[in-house]
Amino acid sequence: MIKRSKKNRSEKGSIVIDVAVLAPVILLAIVFVAWAGSQRAADAAAMSSARAGARAAAIEINPASATSAGQAAGTSATELSSCSVITVTIDTSEWDEGWVSAEAVCTLAAAGASFGSDTITRTWTEPVGLRARSGR
Protein backbone atom coordinates (compact mmCIF):
# COMPACT_ATOMS: atom_id res chain seq x y z
CA MET A 1 0.00 0.00 0.00
CA ILE A 2 1.26 3.45 -0.96
CA LYS A 3 1.15 6.12 1.64
CA ARG A 4 0.07 9.57 0.58
CA SER A 5 1.94 12.40 2.06
CA LYS A 6 0.19 15.26 3.81
CA LYS A 7 1.45 17.60 1.12
CA ASN A 8 -0.50 15.84 -1.66
CA ARG A 9 -3.73 15.84 0.32
CA SER A 10 -3.52 19.55 1.17
CA GLU A 11 -2.88 20.57 -2.47
CA LYS A 12 -5.78 18.58 -3.87
CA GLY A 13 -8.00 21.63 -4.64
CA SER A 14 -5.26 24.08 -5.59
CA ILE A 15 -5.64 23.52 -9.34
CA VAL A 16 -9.32 24.42 -9.16
CA ILE A 17 -8.50 27.61 -7.29
CA ASP A 18 -5.73 28.49 -9.78
CA VAL A 19 -8.09 28.03 -12.73
CA ALA A 20 -10.83 30.03 -11.01
CA VAL A 21 -8.43 32.92 -10.47
CA LEU A 22 -6.64 32.85 -13.83
CA ALA A 23 -9.59 32.17 -16.16
CA PRO A 24 -11.14 35.68 -15.84
CA VAL A 25 -7.73 37.29 -16.30
CA ILE A 26 -7.05 35.28 -19.47
CA LEU A 27 -10.55 35.99 -20.79
CA LEU A 28 -10.12 39.72 -20.17
CA ALA A 29 -6.76 39.68 -21.98
CA ILE A 30 -8.36 37.99 -25.01
CA VAL A 31 -11.20 40.53 -25.10
CA PHE A 32 -8.71 43.41 -24.84
CA VAL A 33 -6.62 42.08 -27.73
CA ALA A 34 -9.76 41.75 -29.88
CA TRP A 35 -10.80 45.31 -29.00
CA ALA A 36 -7.34 46.69 -29.80
CA GLY A 37 -7.46 44.95 -33.18
CA SER A 38 -10.84 46.44 -34.02
CA GLN A 39 -9.61 49.91 -33.00
CA ARG A 40 -6.61 49.55 -35.29
CA ALA A 41 -8.82 48.41 -38.16
CA ALA A 42 -11.19 51.36 -37.63
CA ASP A 43 -8.25 53.77 -37.54
CA ALA A 44 -6.94 52.36 -40.81
CA ALA A 45 -10.40 52.59 -42.40
CA ALA A 46 -10.78 56.24 -41.38
CA MET A 47 -7.30 57.13 -42.67
CA SER A 48 -7.89 55.32 -45.95
CA SER A 49 -11.20 57.11 -46.48
CA ALA A 50 -9.70 60.53 -45.74
CA ARG A 51 -6.78 59.89 -48.08
CA ALA A 52 -8.99 58.63 -50.91
CA GLY A 53 -11.38 61.54 -50.52
CA ALA A 54 -8.63 64.17 -50.59
CA ARG A 55 -6.90 62.59 -53.58
CA ALA A 56 -10.11 62.33 -55.58
CA ALA A 57 -10.98 65.95 -54.76
CA ALA A 58 -7.50 67.20 -55.68
CA ILE A 59 -7.78 66.10 -59.31
CA GLU A 60 -11.12 67.80 -59.97
CA ILE A 61 -11.46 71.08 -61.87
CA ASN A 62 -13.46 73.18 -59.38
CA PRO A 63 -14.40 73.09 -55.68
CA ALA A 64 -17.99 71.97 -56.30
CA SER A 65 -17.01 68.91 -58.28
CA ALA A 66 -14.13 68.28 -55.86
CA THR A 67 -16.54 68.09 -52.94
CA SER A 68 -18.85 65.56 -54.53
CA ALA A 69 -16.02 63.46 -56.00
CA GLY A 70 -14.12 63.46 -52.72
CA GLN A 71 -17.12 62.40 -50.66
CA ALA A 72 -17.98 59.62 -53.10
CA ALA A 73 -14.42 58.31 -53.20
CA GLY A 74 -13.96 58.56 -49.44
CA THR A 75 -17.11 56.70 -48.50
CA SER A 76 -16.50 53.91 -51.00
CA ALA A 77 -12.78 53.55 -50.22
CA THR A 78 -13.22 51.11 -47.35
CA GLU A 79 -15.61 48.42 -46.35
CA LEU A 80 -17.58 48.91 -43.16
CA SER A 81 -16.01 46.04 -41.25
CA SER A 82 -15.17 47.80 -37.99
CA CYS A 83 -17.05 51.04 -38.67
CA SER A 84 -20.80 51.10 -38.77
CA VAL A 85 -20.72 54.45 -40.63
CA ILE A 86 -17.96 56.43 -42.36
CA THR A 87 -18.67 60.10 -43.04
CA VAL A 88 -16.30 62.07 -45.29
CA THR A 89 -16.24 65.87 -45.37
CA ILE A 90 -14.25 67.74 -48.02
CA ASP A 91 -12.78 71.17 -47.19
CA THR A 92 -12.08 73.31 -50.26
CA SER A 93 -11.56 76.60 -48.37
CA GLU A 94 -7.88 76.67 -49.42
CA TRP A 95 -8.58 75.68 -53.03
CA ASP A 96 -7.09 78.89 -54.46
CA GLU A 97 -3.94 78.40 -52.37
CA GLY A 98 -3.58 74.92 -53.83
CA TRP A 99 -4.83 72.61 -51.05
CA VAL A 100 -7.84 70.44 -50.38
CA SER A 101 -8.51 68.49 -47.17
CA ALA A 102 -10.72 65.58 -46.28
CA GLU A 103 -11.93 64.54 -42.84
CA ALA A 104 -13.23 61.02 -42.30
CA VAL A 105 -15.22 60.14 -39.19
CA CYS A 106 -15.60 56.44 -38.45
CA THR A 107 -18.45 55.61 -36.09
CA LEU A 108 -17.57 52.35 -34.41
CA ALA A 109 -19.88 49.40 -34.16
CA ALA A 110 -21.21 48.73 -30.65
CA ALA A 111 -18.56 46.10 -29.84
CA GLY A 112 -15.71 48.39 -30.89
CA ALA A 113 -16.81 51.25 -28.66
CA SER A 114 -17.12 49.23 -25.48
CA PHE A 115 -13.77 50.33 -23.99
CA GLY A 116 -13.31 53.81 -25.40
CA SER A 117 -14.49 56.46 -27.80
CA ASP A 118 -17.25 55.65 -30.25
CA THR A 119 -15.72 57.66 -33.14
CA ILE A 120 -12.33 57.93 -34.80
CA THR A 121 -11.52 61.01 -36.88
CA ARG A 122 -8.67 61.29 -39.39
CA THR A 123 -7.76 64.06 -41.85
CA TRP A 124 -5.66 64.17 -44.99
CA THR A 125 -4.53 67.14 -47.10
CA GLU A 126 -3.53 66.97 -50.76
CA PRO A 127 -2.14 69.59 -53.13
CA VAL A 128 -4.56 70.60 -55.85
CA GLY A 129 -3.22 69.97 -59.34
CA LEU A 130 -2.23 72.89 -61.55
CA ARG A 131 -4.95 71.95 -64.01
CA ALA A 132 -7.58 72.29 -61.27
CA ARG A 133 -6.33 75.65 -60.02
CA SER A 134 -6.21 77.16 -63.49
CA GLY A 135 -9.75 75.93 -64.23
CA ARG A 136 -8.76 74.20 -67.49
C-alpha atoms as a PDB file:
ATOM      1  CA  MET A   1       0.000   0.000   0.000  1.00  0.00           C
ATOM      2  CA  ILE A   2       1.257   3.455  -0.961  1.00  0.00           C
ATOM      3  CA  LYS A   3       1.146   6.119   1.638  1.00  0.00           C
ATOM      4  CA  ARG A   4       0.074   9.570   0.581  1.00  0.00           C
ATOM      5  CA  SER A   5       1.945  12.403   2.064  1.00  0.00           C
ATOM      6  CA  LYS A   6       0.195  15.259   3.805  1.00  0.00           C
ATOM      7  CA  LYS A   7       1.453  17.603   1.115  1.00  0.00           C
ATOM      8  CA  ASN A   8      -0.495  15.839  -1.660  1.00  0.00           C
ATOM      9  CA  ARG A   9      -3.735  15.837   0.317  1.00  0.00           C
ATOM     10  CA  SER A  10      -3.523  19.545   1.170  1.00  0.00           C
ATOM     11  CA  GLU A  11      -2.883  20.572  -2.471  1.00  0.00           C
ATOM     12  CA  LYS A  12      -5.775  18.585  -3.874  1.00  0.00           C
ATOM     13  CA  GLY A  13      -8.001  21.628  -4.638  1.00  0.00           C
ATOM     14  CA  SER A  14      -5.262  24.082  -5.587  1.00  0.00           C
ATOM     15  CA  ILE A  15      -5.636  23.517  -9.337  1.00  0.00           C
ATOM     16  CA  VAL A  16      -9.324  24.418  -9.159  1.00  0.00           C
ATOM     17  CA  ILE A  17      -8.504  27.615  -7.292  1.00  0.00           C
ATOM     18  CA  ASP A  18      -5.733  28.495  -9.780  1.00  0.00           C
ATOM     19  CA  VAL A  19      -8.086  28.035 -12.728  1.00  0.00           C
ATOM     20  CA  ALA A  20     -10.829  30.031 -11.010  1.00  0.00           C
ATOM     21  CA  VAL A  21      -8.427  32.924 -10.465  1.00  0.00           C
ATOM     22  CA  LEU A  22      -6.638  32.849 -13.832  1.00  0.00           C
ATOM     23  CA  ALA A  23      -9.592  32.172 -16.159  1.00  0.00           C
ATOM     24  CA  PRO A  24     -11.138  35.675 -15.839  1.00  0.00           C
ATOM     25  CA  VAL A  25      -7.726  37.293 -16.300  1.00  0.00           C
ATOM     26  CA  ILE A  26      -7.052  35.283 -19.466  1.00  0.00           C
ATOM     27  CA  LEU A  27     -10.547  35.993 -20.785  1.00  0.00           C
ATOM     28  CA  LEU A  28     -10.121  39.724 -20.170  1.00  0.00           C
ATOM     29  CA  ALA A  29      -6.765  39.682 -21.985  1.00  0.00           C
ATOM     30  CA  ILE A  30      -8.358  37.985 -25.013  1.00  0.00           C
ATOM     31  CA  VAL A  31     -11.202  40.534 -25.097  1.00  0.00           C
ATOM     32  CA  PHE A  32      -8.707  43.413 -24.839  1.00  0.00           C
ATOM     33  CA  VAL A  33      -6.617  42.078 -27.733  1.00  0.00           C
ATOM     34  CA  ALA A  34      -9.756  41.748 -29.883  1.00  0.00           C
ATOM     35  CA  TRP A  35     -10.803  45.311 -29.000  1.00  0.00           C
ATOM     36  CA  ALA A  36      -7.342  46.689 -29.801  1.00  0.00           C
ATOM     37  CA  GLY A  37      -7.457  44.951 -33.181  1.00  0.00           C
ATOM     38  CA  SER A  38     -10.843  46.443 -34.022  1.00  0.00           C
ATOM     39  CA  GLN A  39      -9.609  49.907 -32.999  1.00  0.00           C
ATOM     40  CA  ARG A  40      -6.609  49.547 -35.291  1.00  0.00           C
ATOM     41  CA  ALA A  41      -8.823  48.408 -38.165  1.00  0.00           C
ATOM     42  CA  ALA A  42     -11.189  51.358 -37.635  1.00  0.00           C
ATOM     43  CA  ASP A  43      -8.253  53.775 -37.541  1.00  0.00           C
ATOM     44  CA  ALA A  44      -6.936  52.365 -40.814  1.00  0.00           C
ATOM     45  CA  ALA A  45     -10.397  52.586 -42.403  1.00  0.00           C
ATOM     46  CA  ALA A  46     -10.776  56.237 -41.385  1.00  0.00           C
ATOM     47  CA  MET A  47      -7.302  57.131 -42.667  1.00  0.00           C
ATOM     48  CA  SER A  48      -7.887  55.320 -45.947  1.00  0.00           C
ATOM     49  CA  SER A  49     -11.205  57.112 -46.476  1.00  0.00           C
ATOM     50  CA  ALA A  50      -9.702  60.533 -45.743  1.00  0.00           C
ATOM     51  CA  ARG A  51      -6.777  59.885 -48.077  1.00  0.00           C
ATOM     52  CA  ALA A  52      -8.992  58.627 -50.913  1.00  0.00           C
ATOM     53  CA  GLY A  53     -11.384  61.544 -50.523  1.00  0.00           C
ATOM     54  CA  ALA A  54      -8.635  64.166 -50.587  1.00  0.00           C
ATOM     55  CA  ARG A  55      -6.899  62.591 -53.576  1.00  0.00           C
ATOM     56  CA  ALA A  56     -10.114  62.334 -55.583  1.00  0.00           C
ATOM     57  CA  ALA A  57     -10.980  65.952 -54.762  1.00  0.00           C
ATOM     58  CA  ALA A  58      -7.500  67.201 -55.677  1.00  0.00           C
ATOM     59  CA  ILE A  59      -7.782  66.104 -59.312  1.00  0.00           C
ATOM     60  CA  GLU A  60     -11.116  67.799 -59.967  1.00  0.00           C
ATOM     61  CA  ILE A  61     -11.461  71.084 -61.873  1.00  0.00           C
ATOM     62  CA  ASN A  62     -13.458  73.177 -59.381  1.00  0.00           C
ATOM     63  CA  PRO A  63     -14.397  73.090 -55.676  1.00  0.00           C
ATOM     64  CA  ALA A  64     -17.989  71.975 -56.302  1.00  0.00           C
ATOM     65  CA  SER A  65     -17.008  68.909 -58.283  1.00  0.00           C
ATOM     66  CA  ALA A  66     -14.132  68.283 -55.857  1.00  0.00           C
ATOM     67  CA  THR A  67     -16.538  68.095 -52.936  1.00  0.00           C
ATOM     68  CA  SER A  68     -18.852  65.556 -54.533  1.00  0.00           C
ATOM     69  CA  ALA A  69     -16.020  63.456 -55.995  1.00  0.00           C
ATOM     70  CA  GLY A  70     -14.116  63.463 -52.715  1.00  0.00           C
ATOM     71  CA  GLN A  71     -17.115  62.403 -50.662  1.00  0.00           C
ATOM     72  CA  ALA A  72     -17.982  59.622 -53.095  1.00  0.00           C
ATOM     73  CA  ALA A  73     -14.419  58.311 -53.199  1.00  0.00           C
ATOM     74  CA  GLY A  74     -13.956  58.559 -49.439  1.00  0.00           C
ATOM     75  CA  THR A  75     -17.113  56.704 -48.497  1.00  0.00           C
ATOM     76  CA  SER A  76     -16.501  53.915 -50.999  1.00  0.00           C
ATOM     77  CA  ALA A  77     -12.780  53.553 -50.218  1.00  0.00           C
ATOM     78  CA  THR A  78     -13.221  51.108 -47.353  1.00  0.00           C
ATOM     79  CA  GLU A  79     -15.611  48.423 -46.351  1.00  0.00           C
ATOM     80  CA  LEU A  80     -17.579  48.911 -43.163  1.00  0.00           C
ATOM     81  CA  SER A  81     -16.011  46.042 -41.248  1.00  0.00           C
ATOM     82  CA  SER A  82     -15.172  47.797 -37.989  1.00  0.00           C
ATOM     83  CA  CYS A  83     -17.047  51.036 -38.671  1.00  0.00           C
ATOM     84  CA  SER A  84     -20.796  51.095 -38.767  1.00  0.00           C
ATOM     85  CA  VAL A  85     -20.716  54.446 -40.629  1.00  0.00           C
ATOM     86  CA  ILE A  86     -17.959  56.433 -42.360  1.00  0.00           C
ATOM     87  CA  THR A  87     -18.668  60.103 -43.040  1.00  0.00           C
ATOM     88  CA  VAL A  88     -16.298  62.067 -45.291  1.00  0.00           C
ATOM     89  CA  THR A  89     -16.241  65.870 -45.372  1.00  0.00           C
ATOM     90  CA  ILE A  90     -14.251  67.736 -48.024  1.00  0.00           C
ATOM     91  CA  ASP A  91     -12.781  71.168 -47.191  1.00  0.00           C
ATOM     92  CA  THR A  92     -12.078  73.311 -50.261  1.00  0.00           C
ATOM     93  CA  SER A  93     -11.563  76.605 -48.366  1.00  0.00           C
ATOM     94  CA  GLU A  94      -7.880  76.670 -49.418  1.00  0.00           C
ATOM     95  CA  TRP A  95      -8.578  75.676 -53.029  1.00  0.00           C
ATOM     96  CA  ASP A  96      -7.090  78.888 -54.463  1.00  0.00           C
ATOM     97  CA  GLU A  97      -3.938  78.397 -52.372  1.00  0.00           C
ATOM     98  CA  GLY A  98      -3.576  74.920 -53.827  1.00  0.00           C
ATOM     99  CA  TRP A  99      -4.831  72.614 -51.054  1.00  0.00           C
ATOM    100  CA  VAL A 100      -7.843  70.435 -50.381  1.00  0.00           C
ATOM    101  CA  SER A 101      -8.513  68.486 -47.168  1.00  0.00           C
ATOM    102  CA  ALA A 102     -10.718  65.579 -46.275  1.00  0.00           C
ATOM    103  CA  GLU A 103     -11.929  64.542 -42.843  1.00  0.00           C
ATOM    104  CA  ALA A 104     -13.229  61.024 -42.298  1.00  0.00           C
ATOM    105  CA  VAL A 105     -15.221  60.142 -39.188  1.00  0.00           C
ATOM    106  CA  CYS A 106     -15.601  56.440 -38.448  1.00  0.00           C
ATOM    107  CA  THR A 107     -18.451  55.608 -36.091  1.00  0.00           C
ATOM    108  CA  LEU A 108     -17.572  52.347 -34.407  1.00  0.00           C
ATOM    109  CA  ALA A 109     -19.877  49.395 -34.162  1.00  0.00           C
ATOM    110  CA  ALA A 110     -21.210  48.727 -30.650  1.00  0.00           C
ATOM    111  CA  ALA A 111     -18.562  46.100 -29.841  1.00  0.00           C
ATOM    112  CA  GLY A 112     -15.710  48.386 -30.885  1.00  0.00           C
ATOM    113  CA  ALA A 113     -16.810  51.252 -28.660  1.00  0.00           C
ATOM    114  CA  SER A 114     -17.124  49.234 -25.475  1.00  0.00           C
ATOM    115  CA  PHE A 115     -13.770  50.327 -23.987  1.00  0.00           C
ATOM    116  CA  GLY A 116     -13.309  53.812 -25.404  1.00  0.00           C
ATOM    117  CA  SER A 117     -14.489  56.461 -27.797  1.00  0.00           C
ATOM    118  CA  ASP A 118     -17.246  55.652 -30.254  1.00  0.00           C
ATOM    119  CA  THR A 119     -15.717  57.658 -33.137  1.00  0.00           C
ATOM    120  CA  ILE A 120     -12.326  57.929 -34.803  1.00  0.00           C
ATOM    121  CA  THR A 121     -11.516  61.014 -36.884  1.00  0.00           C
ATOM    122  CA  ARG A 122      -8.666  61.288 -39.394  1.00  0.00           C
ATOM    123  CA  THR A 123      -7.760  64.064 -41.846  1.00  0.00           C
ATOM    124  CA  TRP A 124      -5.659  64.166 -44.993  1.00  0.00           C
ATOM    125  CA  THR A 125      -4.526  67.137 -47.095  1.00  0.00           C
ATOM    126  CA  GLU A 126      -3.532  66.971 -50.758  1.00  0.00           C
ATOM    127  CA  PRO A 127      -2.145  69.586 -53.127  1.00  0.00           C
ATOM    128  CA  VAL A 128      -4.564  70.603 -55.850  1.00  0.00           C
ATOM    129  CA  GLY A 129      -3.224  69.965 -59.343  1.00  0.00           C
ATOM    130  CA  LEU A 130      -2.228  72.891 -61.546  1.00  0.00           C
ATOM    131  CA  ARG A 131      -4.955  71.952 -64.014  1.00  0.00           C
ATOM    132  CA  ALA A 132      -7.582  72.289 -61.270  1.00  0.00           C
ATOM    133  CA  ARG A 133      -6.334  75.652 -60.023  1.00  0.00           C
ATOM    134  CA  SER A 134      -6.213  77.160 -63.490  1.00  0.00           C
ATOM    135  CA  GLY A 135      -9.750  75.930 -64.233  1.00  0.00           C
ATOM    136  CA  ARG A 136      -8.757  74.199 -67.489  1.00  0.00           C
END
